[in-house]
Protein backbone atom coordinates (compact mmCIF):
# COMPACT_ATOMS: atom_id res chain seq x y z
CA UNK A 1 77.50 1.51 -5.01
CA UNK A 2 80.37 3.96 -4.68
CA UNK A 3 78.98 6.13 -7.48
CA UNK A 4 75.65 6.45 -5.65
CA UNK A 5 77.39 7.78 -2.53
CA UNK A 6 79.58 10.06 -4.62
CA UNK A 7 76.51 11.50 -6.39
CA UNK A 8 74.77 11.92 -3.02
CA UNK A 9 77.73 13.80 -1.55
CA UNK A 10 78.06 16.02 -4.62
CA UNK A 11 74.34 16.87 -4.43
CA UNK A 12 74.54 17.55 -0.69
CA UNK A 13 77.55 19.84 -1.02
CA UNK A 14 75.93 21.58 -3.98
CA UNK A 15 72.77 22.20 -1.98
CA UNK A 16 74.76 23.68 0.88
CA UNK A 17 76.81 25.91 -1.39
CA UNK A 18 73.85 27.15 -3.45
CA UNK A 19 73.61 30.93 -3.01
CA UNK A 20 70.46 32.41 -1.55
CA UNK A 21 68.70 33.83 -4.63
CA UNK A 22 66.49 36.17 -2.60
CA UNK A 23 69.47 37.67 -0.77
CA UNK A 24 71.35 38.15 -4.05
CA UNK A 25 68.36 39.87 -5.66
CA UNK A 26 67.98 42.15 -2.64
CA UNK A 27 71.67 43.07 -2.73
CA UNK A 28 71.45 43.84 -6.47
CA UNK A 29 68.41 46.07 -5.82
CA UNK A 30 70.28 47.99 -3.10
CA UNK A 31 73.33 48.37 -5.37
CA UNK A 32 71.17 49.80 -8.16
CA UNK A 33 69.53 52.23 -5.72
CA UNK A 34 72.95 53.40 -4.46
CA UNK A 35 74.15 53.86 -8.04
CA UNK A 36 71.02 55.85 -8.92
CA UNK A 37 71.39 58.05 -5.82
CA UNK A 38 75.04 58.72 -6.61
CA UNK A 39 74.29 59.51 -10.24
CA UNK A 40 71.49 61.90 -9.31
CA UNK A 41 73.64 63.61 -6.67
CA UNK A 42 76.51 64.09 -9.15
CA UNK A 43 74.14 65.39 -11.84
CA UNK A 44 72.69 67.94 -9.42
CA UNK A 45 76.16 69.01 -8.32
CA UNK A 46 77.33 69.46 -11.92
CA UNK A 47 74.14 71.31 -12.92
CA UNK A 48 74.68 75.03 -13.60
CA UNK A 49 73.09 77.38 -11.08
CA UNK A 50 69.69 78.85 -11.98
CA UNK A 51 68.30 75.91 -13.98
């Protein structure tokens, strides 16, 4: 009987601690956009004048 309660508690805590997959995907997308913007800005800054 104790193992049933232990398994239940482990599952409950695991469900509460599970990260929000949608929020993580959104944060990754924003990080990639920021990286792309920074890379483009640096490339334009380093570009020789007149090209």
